[in-house]
């Protein structure tokens, strides 16, 4: 069942600012001794007040079935994370990683990426057994990391599908290793593994061009926006009339965060 968030306090992509008392654990890598992994960044988000959106359910399901990777792109408040989180609730094996700006260093990102996959497949292997000792993000280092991580995942999964979700990859667009990593990742994905990427802006050319190679499908914020029928159902749930829904839809273009602002403003 596909759902969508209604609670305005949860902003797409922004709900993982770790609290000061968050539980952490050491990476266990010699060259990553100062890095700790925040458990919250591996958890699929939960949202309050949900409403079904069958149209997006069907679109995302078809995309995951037909493409190795799907990119959901839109500004903050368009519902990227809520859509992905609801979709993940119906999957058995999900490697979720909420990326932050502090993860732009290769050694930090690689540690989190490996840990998210190992956690999803319930592997007993340690992160330091997956990543090469060389901390530099060379092509060889990246390739070796992916080979080790994905091979271990396949060993644990057998033939069960795995969905890898990277929420907030726009934080990595300026990383010098970004293009190399995603190119190698997409070319290395096993048949039973899919990639779901969430970002706020158009990605760099190398990743964007993968669309023409049938490796990547894109769902942008025009797709995420509520159509008039969805807006009407949404407004009815909040106690508004059809006329109000039509006016709100025209003023907000169906953007969920703006619809919530409008409805809150009228209620006040």
C-alpha atoms as a PDB file:
ATOM      1  CA  UNK A   1       0.000   0.000   0.000  1.00  0.00           C
ATOM      2  CA  UNK A   2       1.476   3.307  -1.080  1.00  0.00           C
ATOM      3  CA  UNK A   3       1.044   6.189   1.323  1.00  0.00           C
ATOM      4  CA  UNK A   4       1.964   9.850   1.560  1.00  0.00           C
ATOM      5  CA  UNK A   5       2.731  12.019   4.554  1.00  0.00           C
ATOM      6  CA  UNK A   6       0.355  14.670   5.780  1.00  0.00           C
ATOM      7  CA  UNK A   7       2.214  15.916   8.828  1.00  0.00           C
ATOM      8  CA  UNK A   8       3.896  19.249   8.056  1.00  0.00           C
ATOM      9  CA  UNK A   9       6.468  18.762  10.807  1.00  0.00           C
ATOM     10  CA  UNK A  10       8.263  16.137   8.709  1.00  0.00           C
ATOM     11  CA  UNK A  11      10.079  17.695   5.795  1.00  0.00           C
ATOM     12  CA  UNK A  12      11.261  15.415   3.015  1.00  0.00           C
ATOM     13  CA  UNK A  13      14.937  14.626   3.436  1.00  0.00           C
ATOM     14  CA  UNK A  14      15.372  16.673   6.615  1.00  0.00           C
ATOM     15  CA  UNK A  15      14.443  14.341   9.456  1.00  0.00           C
ATOM     16  CA  UNK A  16      17.872  12.873  10.230  1.00  0.00           C
ATOM     17  CA  UNK A  17      19.674  15.603  12.119  1.00  0.00           C
ATOM     18  CA  UNK A  18      21.127  13.384  14.858  1.00  0.00           C
ATOM     19  CA  UNK A  19      20.381  14.256  18.452  1.00  0.00           C
ATOM     20  CA  UNK A  20      23.217  14.761  20.846  1.00  0.00           C
ATOM     21  CA  UNK A  21      22.472  11.521  22.666  1.00  0.00           C
ATOM     22  CA  UNK A  22      22.126   9.354  19.562  1.00  0.00           C
ATOM     23  CA  UNK A  23      23.534   5.865  19.946  1.00  0.00           C
ATOM     24  CA  UNK A  24      26.729   5.452  17.954  1.00  0.00           C
ATOM     25  CA  UNK A  25      29.197   2.708  17.244  1.00  0.00           C
ATOM     26  CA  UNK A  26      32.773   2.664  16.010  1.00  0.00           C
ATOM     27  CA  UNK A  27      33.436   1.613  12.453  1.00  0.00           C
ATOM     28  CA  UNK A  28      36.217  -0.765  13.456  1.00  0.00           C
ATOM     29  CA  UNK A  29      38.489   0.362  10.605  1.00  0.00           C
ATOM     30  CA  UNK A  30      42.055   1.354  11.322  1.00  0.00           C
ATOM     31  CA  UNK A  31      41.892   4.356   8.994  1.00  0.00           C
ATOM     32  CA  UNK A  32      38.407   5.281  10.244  1.00  0.00           C
ATOM     33  CA  UNK A  33      39.045   5.212  13.967  1.00  0.00           C
ATOM     34  CA  UNK A  34      37.407   8.611  14.495  1.00  0.00           C
ATOM     35  CA  UNK A  35      34.238   7.767  12.539  1.00  0.00           C
ATOM     36  CA  UNK A  36      31.094   6.644  14.289  1.00  0.00           C
ATOM     37  CA  UNK A  37      27.971   5.309  12.620  1.00  0.00           C
ATOM     38  CA  UNK A  38      24.660   6.859  13.611  1.00  0.00           C
ATOM     39  CA  UNK A  39      22.031   4.136  13.715  1.00  0.00           C
ATOM     40  CA  UNK A  40      19.245   6.581  12.855  1.00  0.00           C
ATOM     41  CA  UNK A  41      20.667   6.982   9.364  1.00  0.00           C
ATOM     42  CA  UNK A  42      19.930   3.328   8.597  1.00  0.00           C
ATOM     43  CA  UNK A  43      16.285   3.457   9.688  1.00  0.00           C
ATOM     44  CA  UNK A  44      13.425   3.836   7.215  1.00  0.00           C
ATOM     45  CA  UNK A  45      11.569   7.014   8.292  1.00  0.00           C
ATOM     46  CA  UNK A  46       8.048   6.879   9.672  1.00  0.00           C
ATOM     47  CA  UNK A  47       5.452   9.561   9.013  1.00  0.00           C
ATOM     48  CA  UNK A  48       2.206  10.510  10.714  1.00  0.00           C
ATOM     49  CA  UNK A  49      -1.190  10.870   9.069  1.00  0.00           C
ATOM     50  CA  UNK A  50      -0.954   8.885   5.841  1.00  0.00           C
ATOM     51  CA  UNK A  51      -3.148   8.809   2.764  1.00  0.00           C
ATOM     52  CA  UNK A  52      -2.917   6.368  -0.127  1.00  0.00           C
ATOM     53  CA  UNK A  53      -1.575   7.492  -3.502  1.00  0.00           C
ATOM     54  CA  UNK A  54      -2.133   4.579  -5.914  1.00  0.00           C
ATOM     55  CA  UNK A  55      -0.832   6.575  -8.882  1.00  0.00           C
ATOM     56  CA  UNK A  56       2.635   6.931  -7.348  1.00  0.00           C
ATOM     57  CA  UNK A  57       2.500   3.386  -6.031  1.00  0.00           C
ATOM     58  CA  UNK A  58       2.099   2.106  -9.566  1.00  0.00           C
ATOM     59  CA  UNK A  59       4.713   4.433 -11.093  1.00  0.00           C
ATOM     60  CA  UNK A  60       7.417   3.606  -8.569  1.00  0.00           C
ATOM     61  CA  UNK A  61       6.647  -0.111  -8.641  1.00  0.00           C
ATOM     62  CA  UNK A  62       6.953  -0.217 -12.434  1.00  0.00           C
ATOM     63  CA  UNK A  63      10.166   1.780 -12.337  1.00  0.00           C
ATOM     64  CA  UNK A  64      11.816  -0.577  -9.836  1.00  0.00           C
ATOM     65  CA  UNK A  65      10.670  -3.567 -11.881  1.00  0.00           C
ATOM     66  CA  UNK A  66      11.956  -2.198 -15.191  1.00  0.00           C
ATOM     67  CA  UNK A  67      15.117  -0.248 -14.317  1.00  0.00           C
ATOM     68  CA  UNK A  68      18.217  -1.016 -12.238  1.00  0.00           C
ATOM     69  CA  UNK A  69      18.000   2.448 -10.670  1.00  0.00           C
ATOM     70  CA  UNK A  70      15.292   5.020 -10.021  1.00  0.00           C
ATOM     71  CA  UNK A  71      15.966   8.668  -9.174  1.00  0.00           C
ATOM     72  CA  UNK A  72      13.315  10.677  -7.315  1.00  0.00           C
ATOM     73  CA  UNK A  73      14.129  14.359  -7.709  1.00  0.00           C
ATOM     74  CA  UNK A  74      12.425  17.373  -6.167  1.00  0.00           C
ATOM     75  CA  UNK A  75      12.839  20.280  -3.805  1.00  0.00           C
ATOM     76  CA  UNK A  76      12.423  19.956  -0.042  1.00  0.00           C
ATOM     77  CA  UNK A  77       8.794  19.378   0.855  1.00  0.00           C
ATOM     78  CA  UNK A  78       7.783  17.562  -2.326  1.00  0.00           C
ATOM     79  CA  UNK A  79       7.533  14.196  -0.573  1.00  0.00           C
ATOM     80  CA  UNK A  80      10.511  12.257  -1.906  1.00  0.00           C
ATOM     81  CA  UNK A  81      11.430  10.615   1.368  1.00  0.00           C
ATOM     82  CA  UNK A  82       7.833   9.895   2.347  1.00  0.00           C
ATOM     83  CA  UNK A  83       7.196   8.177  -0.984  1.00  0.00           C
ATOM     84  CA  UNK A  84      10.348   6.064  -0.729  1.00  0.00           C
ATOM     85  CA  UNK A  85       9.736   5.200   2.923  1.00  0.00           C
ATOM     86  CA  UNK A  86       6.179   4.036   2.243  1.00  0.00           C
ATOM     87  CA  UNK A  87       7.389   1.949  -0.698  1.00  0.00           C
ATOM     88  CA  UNK A  88      10.051   0.319   1.488  1.00  0.00           C
ATOM     89  CA  UNK A  89       7.475  -0.787   4.035  1.00  0.00           C
ATOM     90  CA  UNK A  90       6.344  -3.451   1.582  1.00  0.00           C
ATOM     91  CA  UNK A  91       9.870  -4.765   0.888  1.00  0.00           C
ATOM     92  CA  UNK A  92      11.587  -7.427   2.975  1.00  0.00           C
ATOM     93  CA  UNK A  93      15.200  -6.399   2.379  1.00  0.00           C
ATOM     94  CA  UNK A  94      15.993  -2.671   2.308  1.00  0.00           C
ATOM     95  CA  UNK A  95      19.395  -1.045   2.778  1.00  0.00           C
ATOM     96  CA  UNK A  96      18.466   2.521   3.741  1.00  0.00           C
ATOM     97  CA  UNK A  97      21.101   5.219   4.139  1.00  0.00           C
ATOM     98  CA  UNK A  98      20.220   8.854   4.807  1.00  0.00           C
ATOM     99  CA  UNK A  99      23.133  10.851   3.397  1.00  0.00           C
ATOM    100  CA  UNK A 100      24.209  14.124   5.002  1.00  0.00           C
ATOM    101  CA  UNK A 101      26.623  16.849   3.928  1.00  0.00           C
ATOM    102  CA  UNK A 102      29.198  15.560   6.413  1.00  0.00           C
ATOM    103  CA  UNK A 103      29.346  12.267   4.464  1.00  0.00           C
ATOM    104  CA  UNK A 104      31.013  13.775   1.398  1.00  0.00           C
ATOM    105  CA  UNK A 105      34.422  12.301   2.276  1.00  0.00           C
ATOM    106  CA  UNK A 106      34.868   8.929   0.607  1.00  0.00           C
ATOM    107  CA  UNK A 107      36.001   7.152   3.767  1.00  0.00           C
ATOM    108  CA  UNK A 108      32.863   8.272   5.606  1.00  0.00           C
ATOM    109  CA  UNK A 109      30.448   7.502   2.783  1.00  0.00           C
ATOM    110  CA  UNK A 110      32.002   4.109   2.047  1.00  0.00           C
ATOM    111  CA  UNK A 111      31.718   3.118   5.688  1.00  0.00           C
ATOM    112  CA  UNK A 112      28.040   4.043   5.875  1.00  0.00           C
ATOM    113  CA  UNK A 113      27.210   2.476   2.519  1.00  0.00           C
ATOM    114  CA  UNK A 114      28.845  -0.819   3.451  1.00  0.00           C
ATOM    115  CA  UNK A 115      27.207  -0.860   6.868  1.00  0.00           C
ATOM    116  CA  UNK A 116      23.736  -0.189   5.440  1.00  0.00           C
ATOM    117  CA  UNK A 117      23.975  -3.122   3.019  1.00  0.00           C
ATOM    118  CA  UNK A 118      25.468  -5.517   5.579  1.00  0.00           C
ATOM    119  CA  UNK A 119      22.742  -4.582   8.042  1.00  0.00           C
ATOM    120  CA  UNK A 120      19.970  -5.125   5.478  1.00  0.00           C
ATOM    121  CA  UNK A 121      21.126  -8.624   4.547  1.00  0.00           C
ATOM    122  CA  UNK A 122      21.863  -9.530   8.177  1.00  0.00           C
ATOM    123  CA  UNK A 123      25.495 -10.315   7.471  1.00  0.00           C
ATOM    124  CA  UNK A 124      27.880 -11.123  10.270  1.00  0.00           C
ATOM    125  CA  UNK A 125      30.778  -9.557   8.380  1.00  0.00           C
ATOM    126  CA  UNK A 126      32.410  -6.377   9.668  1.00  0.00           C
ATOM    127  CA  UNK A 127      32.745  -3.214   7.626  1.00  0.00           C
ATOM    128  CA  UNK A 128      36.530  -3.400   7.747  1.00  0.00           C
ATOM    129  CA  UNK A 129      36.344  -6.777   5.997  1.00  0.00           C
ATOM    130  CA  UNK A 130      34.554  -5.159   3.048  1.00  0.00           C
ATOM    131  CA  UNK A 131      36.644  -2.038   2.401  1.00  0.00           C
ATOM    132  CA  UNK A 132      40.245  -1.883   1.125  1.00  0.00           C
ATOM    133  CA  UNK A 133      42.837  -0.453   3.466  1.00  0.00           C
ATOM    134  CA  UNK A 134      43.606   2.345   0.985  1.00  0.00           C
ATOM    135  CA  UNK A 135      41.453   5.318   2.088  1.00  0.00           C
ATOM    136  CA  UNK A 136      41.798   7.133  -1.249  1.00  0.00           C
ATOM    137  CA  UNK A 137      38.779   6.911  -3.611  1.00  0.00           C
ATOM    138  CA  UNK A 138      40.625   5.595  -6.648  1.00  0.00           C
ATOM    139  CA  UNK A 139      38.814   3.559  -9.282  1.00  0.00           C
ATOM    140  CA  UNK A 140      40.431   0.423  -7.928  1.00  0.00           C
ATOM    141  CA  UNK A 141      39.450   1.176  -4.340  1.00  0.00           C
ATOM    142  CA  UNK A 142      35.840   1.910  -5.303  1.00  0.00           C
ATOM    143  CA  UNK A 143      35.584  -1.179  -7.488  1.00  0.00           C
ATOM    144  CA  UNK A 144      37.057  -3.455  -4.816  1.00  0.00           C
ATOM    145  CA  UNK A 145      34.678  -2.042  -2.210  1.00  0.00           C
ATOM    146  CA  UNK A 146      31.626  -2.644  -4.395  1.00  0.00           C
ATOM    147  CA  UNK A 147      32.720  -6.145  -5.365  1.00  0.00           C
ATOM    148  CA  UNK A 148      33.155  -7.128  -1.720  1.00  0.00           C
ATOM    149  CA  UNK A 149      29.932  -5.519  -0.487  1.00  0.00           C
ATOM    150  CA  UNK A 150      27.674  -6.789  -3.276  1.00  0.00           C
ATOM    151  CA  UNK A 151      29.205 -10.269  -3.238  1.00  0.00           C
ATOM    152  CA  UNK A 152      28.548 -10.575   0.489  1.00  0.00           C
ATOM    153  CA  UNK A 153      24.991  -9.322  -0.023  1.00  0.00           C
ATOM    154  CA  UNK A 154      24.346 -11.950  -2.685  1.00  0.00           C
ATOM    155  CA  UNK A 155      25.764 -14.678  -0.468  1.00  0.00           C
ATOM    156  CA  UNK A 156      23.299 -13.759   2.267  1.00  0.00           C
ATOM    157  CA  UNK A 157      20.316 -13.052   0.023  1.00  0.00           C
ATOM    158  CA  UNK A 158      20.503 -16.054  -2.293  1.00  0.00           C
ATOM    159  CA  UNK A 159      17.730 -15.032  -4.729  1.00  0.00           C
ATOM    160  CA  UNK A 160      15.782 -12.621  -2.514  1.00  0.00           C
ATOM    161  CA  UNK A 161      15.575  -9.046  -3.905  1.00  0.00           C
ATOM    162  CA  UNK A 162      17.382  -6.146  -2.244  1.00  0.00           C
ATOM    163  CA  UNK A 163      16.526  -2.449  -2.518  1.00  0.00           C
ATOM    164  CA  UNK A 164      19.338   0.012  -1.759  1.00  0.00           C
ATOM    165  CA  UNK A 165      18.036   3.496  -0.911  1.00  0.00           C
ATOM    166  CA  UNK A 166      20.299   6.540  -0.756  1.00  0.00           C
ATOM    167  CA  UNK A 167      18.322   9.516   0.527  1.00  0.00           C
ATOM    168  CA  UNK A 168      19.920  12.930  -0.007  1.00  0.00           C
ATOM    169  CA  UNK A 169      22.555  12.180  -2.652  1.00  0.00           C
ATOM    170  CA  UNK A 170      22.606  15.873  -3.626  1.00  0.00           C
ATOM    171  CA  UNK A 171      25.014  16.229  -0.680  1.00  0.00           C
ATOM    172  CA  UNK A 172      27.522  14.185  -2.714  1.00  0.00           C
ATOM    173  CA  UNK A 173      27.306  15.959  -6.075  1.00  0.00           C
ATOM    174  CA  UNK A 174      30.506  17.946  -5.457  1.00  0.00           C
ATOM    175  CA  UNK A 175      32.511  14.914  -4.342  1.00  0.00           C
ATOM    176  CA  UNK A 176      35.287  14.139  -6.858  1.00  0.00           C
ATOM    177  CA  UNK A 177      34.514  10.407  -6.597  1.00  0.00           C
ATOM    178  CA  UNK A 178      30.740  10.769  -7.141  1.00  0.00           C
ATOM    179  CA  UNK A 179      30.579   9.978 -10.865  1.00  0.00           C
ATOM    180  CA  UNK A 180      32.998   7.058 -10.649  1.00  0.00           C
ATOM    181  CA  UNK A 181      31.181   5.465  -7.738  1.00  0.00           C
ATOM    182  CA  UNK A 182      27.698   5.569  -9.241  1.00  0.00           C
ATOM    183  CA  UNK A 183      28.880   4.474 -12.655  1.00  0.00           C
ATOM    184  CA  UNK A 184      30.574   1.430 -11.126  1.00  0.00           C
ATOM    185  CA  UNK A 185      27.651   0.778  -8.779  1.00  0.00           C
ATOM    186  CA  UNK A 186      25.057   0.724 -11.563  1.00  0.00           C
ATOM    187  CA  UNK A 187      27.191  -1.511 -13.742  1.00  0.00           C
ATOM    188  CA  UNK A 188      27.787  -3.884 -10.792  1.00  0.00           C
ATOM    189  CA  UNK A 189      24.229  -4.286  -9.497  1.00  0.00           C
ATOM    190  CA  UNK A 190      23.093  -7.939  -9.439  1.00  0.00           C
ATOM    191  CA  UNK A 191      19.800  -8.736 -11.160  1.00  0.00           C
ATOM    192  CA  UNK A 192      17.923  -9.007  -7.866  1.00  0.00           C
ATOM    193  CA  UNK A 193      19.221  -5.666  -6.538  1.00  0.00           C
ATOM    194  CA  UNK A 194      17.747  -2.240  -7.295  1.00  0.00           C
ATOM    195  CA  UNK A 195      18.880   1.261  -6.441  1.00  0.00           C
ATOM    196  CA  UNK A 196      16.602   4.098  -5.328  1.00  0.00           C
ATOM    197  CA  UNK A 197      18.184   7.570  -5.224  1.00  0.00           C
ATOM    198  CA  UNK A 198      16.622  10.692  -3.710  1.00  0.00           C
ATOM    199  CA  UNK A 199      17.903  14.200  -4.387  1.00  0.00           C
ATOM    200  CA  UNK A 200      16.781  17.827  -4.370  1.00  0.00           C
ATOM    201  CA  UNK A 201      18.391  18.996  -7.601  1.00  0.00           C
ATOM    202  CA  UNK A 202      19.389  17.730 -11.017  1.00  0.00           C
ATOM    203  CA  UNK A 203      22.418  15.423 -10.657  1.00  0.00           C
ATOM    204  CA  UNK A 204      25.689  15.865 -12.572  1.00  0.00           C
ATOM    205  CA  UNK A 205      25.778  14.962 -16.257  1.00  0.00           C
ATOM    206  CA  UNK A 206      27.331  11.470 -15.999  1.00  0.00           C
ATOM    207  CA  UNK A 207      24.518  10.196 -13.758  1.00  0.00           C
ATOM    208  CA  UNK A 208      21.799  12.079 -15.642  1.00  0.00           C
ATOM    209  CA  UNK A 209      22.924  10.627 -18.977  1.00  0.00           C
ATOM    210  CA  UNK A 210      22.347   7.082 -17.729  1.00  0.00           C
ATOM    211  CA  UNK A 211      18.677   7.648 -18.545  1.00  0.00           C
ATOM    212  CA  UNK A 212      19.414   7.226 -22.246  1.00  0.00           C
ATOM    213  CA  UNK A 213      21.091   3.884 -21.539  1.00  0.00           C
ATOM    214  CA  UNK A 214      17.966   2.501 -19.833  1.00  0.00           C
ATOM    215  CA  UNK A 215      19.858   2.186 -16.555  1.00  0.00           C
ATOM    216  CA  UNK A 216      18.091   5.011 -14.746  1.00  0.00           C
ATOM    217  CA  UNK A 217      14.490   6.198 -14.583  1.00  0.00           C
ATOM    218  CA  UNK A 218      13.596   9.625 -13.184  1.00  0.00           C
ATOM    219  CA  UNK A 219      10.519  10.669 -11.209  1.00  0.00           C
ATOM    220  CA  UNK A 220      10.636  14.451 -10.796  1.00  0.00           C
ATOM    221  CA  UNK A 221       8.555  16.788  -8.667  1.00  0.00           C
ATOM    222  CA  UNK A 222       6.009  17.247 -11.438  1.00  0.00           C
ATOM    223  CA  UNK A 223       5.228  13.550 -11.009  1.00  0.00           C
ATOM    224  CA  UNK A 224       5.274  13.828  -7.210  1.00  0.00           C
ATOM    225  CA  UNK A 225       2.832  16.742  -7.171  1.00  0.00           C
ATOM    226  CA  UNK A 226      -0.799  16.042  -6.309  1.00  0.00           C
ATOM    227  CA  UNK A 227      -3.108  16.117  -9.304  1.00  0.00           C
ATOM    228  CA  UNK A 228      -6.494  17.788  -8.853  1.00  0.00           C
ATOM    229  CA  UNK A 229      -8.280  14.569  -7.875  1.00  0.00           C
ATOM    230  CA  UNK A 230      -5.631  13.763  -5.261  1.00  0.00           C
ATOM    231  CA  UNK A 231      -5.769  17.312  -3.930  1.00  0.00           C
ATOM    232  CA  UNK A 232      -9.549  17.052  -3.587  1.00  0.00           C
ATOM    233  CA  UNK A 233      -9.292  13.787  -1.633  1.00  0.00           C
ATOM    234  CA  UNK A 234      -6.542  15.256   0.527  1.00  0.00           C
ATOM    235  CA  UNK A 235      -8.514  18.425   1.291  1.00  0.00           C
ATOM    236  CA  UNK A 236     -11.664  16.433   2.034  1.00  0.00           C
ATOM    237  CA  UNK A 237      -9.713  14.447   4.620  1.00  0.00           C
ATOM    238  CA  UNK A 238      -8.783  17.749   6.256  1.00  0.00           C
ATOM    239  CA  UNK A 239     -12.373  19.010   6.178  1.00  0.00           C
ATOM    240  CA  UNK A 240     -12.296  21.313   3.145  1.00  0.00           C
ATOM    241  CA  UNK A 241     -14.811  21.629   0.310  1.00  0.00           C
ATOM    242  CA  UNK A 242     -14.159  20.821  -3.357  1.00  0.00           C
ATOM    243  CA  UNK A 243     -14.082  24.543  -4.187  1.00  0.00           C
ATOM    244  CA  UNK A 244     -11.344  25.069  -1.610  1.00  0.00           C
ATOM    245  CA  UNK A 245      -9.388  22.148  -3.043  1.00  0.00           C
ATOM    246  CA  UNK A 246      -9.551  23.574  -6.564  1.00  0.00           C
ATOM    247  CA  UNK A 247      -8.338  26.964  -5.333  1.00  0.00           C
ATOM    248  CA  UNK A 248      -5.517  25.474  -3.270  1.00  0.00           C
ATOM    249  CA  UNK A 249      -4.439  23.286  -6.159  1.00  0.00           C
ATOM    250  CA  UNK A 250      -4.241  26.237  -8.547  1.00  0.00           C
ATOM    251  CA  UNK A 251      -2.199  28.243  -6.040  1.00  0.00           C
ATOM    252  CA  UNK A 252       0.249  25.487  -5.039  1.00  0.00           C
ATOM    253  CA  UNK A 253       0.522  23.377  -8.213  1.00  0.00           C
ATOM    254  CA  UNK A 254      -0.114  20.346  -6.016  1.00  0.00           C
ATOM    255  CA  UNK A 255       3.062  20.641  -3.947  1.00  0.00           C
ATOM    256  CA  UNK A 256       2.395  18.906  -0.632  1.00  0.00           C
ATOM    257  CA  UNK A 257       4.262  21.315   1.638  1.00  0.00           C
ATOM    258  CA  UNK A 258       2.439  24.290   0.115  1.00  0.00           C
ATOM    259  CA  UNK A 259      -0.924  22.546   0.401  1.00  0.00           C
ATOM    260  CA  UNK A 260      -0.247  22.022   4.091  1.00  0.00           C
ATOM    261  CA  UNK A 261       0.710  25.667   4.517  1.00  0.00           C
ATOM    262  CA  UNK A 262      -2.494  26.780   2.806  1.00  0.00           C
ATOM    263  CA  UNK A 263      -4.700  24.508   4.877  1.00  0.00           C
ATOM    264  CA  UNK A 264      -2.982  25.514   8.123  1.00  0.00           C
ATOM    265  CA  UNK A 265      -3.341  29.197   7.239  1.00  0.00           C
ATOM    266  CA  UNK A 266      -7.061  28.901   6.599  1.00  0.00           C
ATOM    267  CA  UNK A 267      -7.665  26.948   9.816  1.00  0.00           C
ATOM    268  CA  UNK A 268      -5.919  29.633  11.852  1.00  0.00           C
END
